[in-house]
N, C-alpha and C. Protein backbone atom coordinates (compact mmCIF):
# COMPACT_ATOMS: atom_id res chain seq x y z
N UNK A 1 -28.59 -0.86 8.54
CA UNK A 1 -28.55 0.28 7.04
C UNK A 1 -27.08 0.00 7.08
N UNK A 2 -26.79 -0.04 5.69
CA UNK A 2 -25.25 -0.11 5.16
C UNK A 2 -24.75 0.72 4.13
N UNK A 3 -24.29 0.48 2.94
CA UNK A 3 -23.53 1.53 2.34
C UNK A 3 -24.10 0.06 0.83
N UNK A 4 -23.91 0.56 -0.25
CA UNK A 4 -24.37 -0.27 -1.36
C UNK A 4 -22.90 -0.75 -1.91
N UNK A 5 -21.65 -0.30 -1.65
CA UNK A 5 -20.47 -1.10 -1.55
C UNK A 5 -20.51 -2.48 -1.14
N UNK A 6 -21.07 -2.43 0.53
CA UNK A 6 -21.14 -3.94 1.18
C UNK A 6 -22.24 -4.77 0.99
N UNK A 7 -22.95 -4.34 -0.62
CA UNK A 7 -23.69 -5.80 -0.74
C UNK A 7 -23.67 -7.50 -1.30
N UNK A 8 -23.86 -7.88 -1.30
CA UNK A 8 -23.05 -9.17 -1.71
C UNK A 8 -23.67 -9.48 -3.07
N UNK A 9 -23.45 -10.19 -4.14
CA UNK A 9 -23.76 -10.32 -5.46
C UNK A 9 -25.40 -10.92 -5.52
N UNK A 10 -26.45 -10.14 -6.45
CA UNK A 10 -27.32 -10.50 -6.36
C UNK A 10 -28.38 -9.99 -5.34
N UNK A 11 -27.90 -9.43 -4.28
CA UNK A 11 -28.49 -8.98 -3.27
C UNK A 11 -29.21 -7.74 -3.52
N UNK A 12 -30.40 -7.38 -3.41
CA UNK A 12 -30.84 -6.52 -3.28
C UNK A 12 -31.07 -5.58 -1.84
N UNK A 13 -31.22 -3.64 -2.59
CA UNK A 13 -31.68 -2.99 -1.17
C UNK A 13 -32.05 -1.60 -1.87
N UNK A 14 -32.54 -0.96 -0.73
CA UNK A 14 -33.38 -0.12 -1.31
C UNK A 14 -32.29 1.43 -0.65
N UNK A 15 -32.31 2.75 -1.88
CA UNK A 15 -31.36 3.55 -1.39
C UNK A 15 -32.37 4.56 -0.68
N UNK A 16 -31.74 4.97 0.56
CA UNK A 16 -32.05 5.57 1.19
C UNK A 16 -31.66 6.81 0.87
N UNK A 17 -30.41 7.45 0.78
CA UNK A 17 -29.55 8.69 1.11
C UNK A 17 -28.27 8.78 0.23
N UNK A 18 -27.87 9.73 0.44
CA UNK A 18 -26.10 9.98 0.23
C UNK A 18 -25.02 10.61 0.91
N UNK A 19 -24.25 10.62 1.50
CA UNK A 19 -23.49 10.94 2.12
C UNK A 19 -22.96 11.86 1.07
N UNK A 20 -22.80 12.28 0.31
CA UNK A 20 -21.46 12.96 -0.53
C UNK A 20 -22.23 13.82 -1.57
N UNK A 21 -22.82 14.95 -0.88
CA UNK A 21 -23.20 15.81 -2.33
C UNK A 21 -23.05 15.82 -3.70
N UNK A 22 -22.16 16.78 -3.56
CA UNK A 22 -21.38 16.64 -5.33
C UNK A 22 -21.43 15.49 -5.83
N UNK A 23 -21.10 13.89 -5.58
CA UNK A 23 -21.53 12.82 -6.40
C UNK A 23 -23.34 12.29 -6.45
N UNK A 24 -24.15 12.69 -5.47
CA UNK A 24 -25.24 12.84 -5.08
C UNK A 24 -25.78 12.83 -6.41
N UNK A 25 -25.14 14.09 -7.19
CA UNK A 25 -26.19 14.81 -8.09
C UNK A 25 -26.30 14.26 -9.60
N UNK A 26 -25.34 13.33 -9.29
CA UNK A 26 -24.70 12.47 -10.61
C UNK A 26 -25.12 11.05 -11.07
N UNK A 27 -25.70 10.88 -9.35
CA UNK A 27 -26.23 9.65 -9.13
C UNK A 27 -27.44 9.61 -9.25
N UNK A 28 -28.05 10.71 -9.03
CA UNK A 28 -29.73 10.77 -9.56
C UNK A 28 -30.06 11.19 -10.78
N UNK A 29 -29.15 12.04 -11.34
CA UNK A 29 -28.56 12.13 -12.74
C UNK A 29 -28.88 10.40 -13.42
N UNK A 30 -28.12 9.34 -12.99
CA UNK A 30 -28.18 8.13 -13.40
C UNK A 30 -29.10 7.44 -13.12
N UNK A 31 -30.43 8.15 -12.55
CA UNK A 31 -31.33 6.93 -12.05
C UNK A 31 -31.15 6.14 -10.41
N UNK A 32 -30.28 6.09 -9.74
CA UNK A 32 -30.27 6.36 -8.65
C UNK A 32 -30.68 7.03 -7.67
N UNK A 33 -32.24 7.40 -7.07
CA UNK A 33 -33.05 7.71 -6.68
C UNK A 33 -33.19 7.34 -5.52
N UNK A 34 -33.12 7.81 -4.02
CA UNK A 34 -33.72 7.69 -2.73
C UNK A 34 -35.12 7.21 -2.98
N UNK A 35 -34.85 5.91 -2.26
CA UNK A 35 -36.36 4.88 -2.47
C UNK A 35 -36.43 4.43 -3.57
N UNK A 36 -35.29 4.24 -5.06
CA UNK A 36 -35.07 2.97 -5.82
C UNK A 36 -34.73 1.94 -5.67
N UNK A 37 -35.21 0.67 -5.95
CA UNK A 37 -34.39 -0.47 -5.33
C UNK A 37 -33.20 -0.65 -6.46
N UNK A 38 -32.48 -1.09 -5.98
CA UNK A 38 -30.82 -1.18 -6.43
C UNK A 38 -30.62 -3.03 -6.11
N UNK A 39 -29.73 -3.60 -7.37
CA UNK A 39 -28.82 -4.68 -6.48
C UNK A 39 -27.87 -4.64 -7.27
N UNK A 40 -27.01 -6.06 -6.95
CA UNK A 40 -25.53 -5.42 -7.08
C UNK A 40 -25.43 -7.06 -7.96
N UNK A 41 -25.34 -6.78 -9.40
CA UNK A 41 -25.50 -7.43 -10.37
C UNK A 41 -23.62 -8.43 -10.85
N UNK A 42 -22.87 -7.79 -10.22
CA UNK A 42 -21.80 -8.27 -10.62
C UNK A 42 -20.37 -7.43 -10.10
N UNK A 43 -19.39 -7.97 -9.73
CA UNK A 43 -17.92 -7.10 -8.93
C UNK A 43 -16.74 -7.90 -9.82
N UNK A 44 -16.19 -6.52 -10.07
CA UNK A 44 -15.09 -7.18 -11.20
C UNK A 44 -14.10 -7.81 -10.61
N UNK A 45 -12.96 -8.62 -11.00
CA UNK A 45 -12.16 -9.82 -11.00
C UNK A 45 -10.96 -9.08 -9.48
N UNK A 46 -10.52 -7.54 -9.63
CA UNK A 46 -10.08 -7.46 -8.85
C UNK A 46 -10.87 -6.82 -7.63
N UNK A 47 -11.84 -6.72 -7.51
CA UNK A 47 -12.91 -6.22 -6.58
C UNK A 47 -13.38 -4.82 -7.09
N UNK A 48 -13.06 -3.85 -7.98
CA UNK A 48 -13.35 -3.05 -8.20
C UNK A 48 -13.44 -2.32 -9.91
N UNK A 49 -14.18 -2.31 -10.61
CA UNK A 49 -15.82 -1.09 -9.77
C UNK A 49 -16.54 -2.43 -9.34
N UNK A 50 -18.26 -2.19 -9.35
CA UNK A 50 -19.13 -3.11 -9.46
C UNK A 50 -19.72 -2.38 -10.21
N UNK A 51 -20.26 -3.63 -10.48
CA UNK A 51 -22.39 -3.71 -11.40
C UNK A 51 -23.48 -3.63 -10.51
N UNK A 52 -24.47 -2.62 -10.87
CA UNK A 52 -25.73 -2.74 -9.93
C UNK A 52 -26.75 -2.89 -10.76
N UNK A 53 -28.07 -2.90 -10.85
CA UNK A 53 -29.04 -2.56 -11.78
C UNK A 53 -29.81 -1.84 -11.15
N UNK A 54 -30.49 -0.77 -11.53
CA UNK A 54 -31.14 0.69 -11.06
C UNK A 54 -31.50 0.82 -12.70
N UNK A 55 -33.22 1.12 -12.35
CA UNK A 55 -33.87 1.90 -13.07
C UNK A 55 -33.57 1.10 -14.22
N UNK A 56 -33.60 -0.54 -14.21
CA UNK A 56 -33.89 -1.22 -15.58
C UNK A 56 -32.82 -0.98 -16.67
N UNK A 57 -31.27 -0.67 -15.92
CA UNK A 57 -30.25 -0.80 -16.95
C UNK A 57 -28.93 -1.02 -15.42
N UNK A 58 -27.86 -2.17 -16.04
CA UNK A 58 -26.60 -1.66 -15.37
C UNK A 58 -25.98 -0.86 -15.11
N UNK A 59 -25.36 -0.20 -14.18
CA UNK A 59 -24.28 0.88 -14.13
C UNK A 59 -23.64 0.00 -13.26
N UNK A 60 -21.93 0.56 -13.49
CA UNK A 60 -20.82 0.46 -13.41
C UNK A 60 -20.76 1.79 -12.34
N UNK A 61 -20.37 1.28 -10.93
CA UNK A 61 -19.26 2.55 -9.76
C UNK A 61 -18.02 1.80 -9.03
N UNK A 62 -17.50 3.15 -9.19
CA UNK A 62 -16.22 2.29 -8.57
C UNK A 62 -16.23 2.24 -6.30
N UNK A 63 -15.76 1.66 -6.38
CA UNK A 63 -15.93 1.43 -4.58
C UNK A 63 -16.34 2.82 -4.02
N UNK A 64 -15.24 3.31 -3.83
CA UNK A 64 -15.23 4.93 -3.45
C UNK A 64 -16.62 5.17 -3.92
N UNK A 65 -17.32 5.64 -4.84
CA UNK A 65 -18.82 5.90 -5.41
C UNK A 65 -19.95 5.70 -4.01
N UNK A 66 -19.71 4.04 -4.86
CA UNK A 66 -20.93 2.96 -4.33
C UNK A 66 -20.76 3.44 -2.65
N UNK A 67 -19.60 3.15 -1.72
CA UNK A 67 -19.47 3.48 -0.67
C UNK A 67 -20.63 5.23 0.02
N UNK A 68 -20.68 6.25 -1.53
CA UNK A 68 -21.39 7.14 -0.50
C UNK A 68 -22.66 6.80 -0.38
N UNK A 69 -23.70 5.51 -0.96
CA UNK A 69 -24.49 5.76 -1.14
C UNK A 69 -25.13 4.74 0.49
N UNK A 70 -26.04 5.12 0.83
CA UNK A 70 -26.71 4.38 2.32
C UNK A 70 -27.89 3.20 2.01
N UNK A 71 -27.78 2.36 1.91
CA UNK A 71 -29.06 1.64 1.74
C UNK A 71 -29.71 0.82 3.10
N UNK A 72 -30.89 0.43 2.75
CA UNK A 72 -31.22 -0.41 3.51
C UNK A 72 -31.96 -1.92 2.70
N UNK A 73 -31.17 -3.17 3.50
CA UNK A 73 -31.18 -4.06 2.99
C UNK A 73 -32.51 -4.50 2.75
N UNK A 74 -32.84 -5.94 2.39
CA UNK A 74 -34.08 -6.80 3.06
C UNK A 74 -34.39 -7.71 3.55
C-alpha cells in the first residue's frame, strides 16, 4: 500500500483508509470514501497541487492532504 501523493499520472488506486481524522471528514464529504476508486489526473507544474478523478469529478488536493490518504494500487 502507498499514499495518494505517490501515484503517477494516469495511475488508479483504491482508497483504503485515512491517517488524519480531521482531514478525513472533509475528504469523505467530497466523495473520497474508503472503497472508492481514484485516478491521478494531473500534477501542477511545480508539483503541488494534484488533481484526482473521484466520484465522477476532478478534485484538487495539496500533496500534504493527499499524503493522508492510504491507497492500494492495482
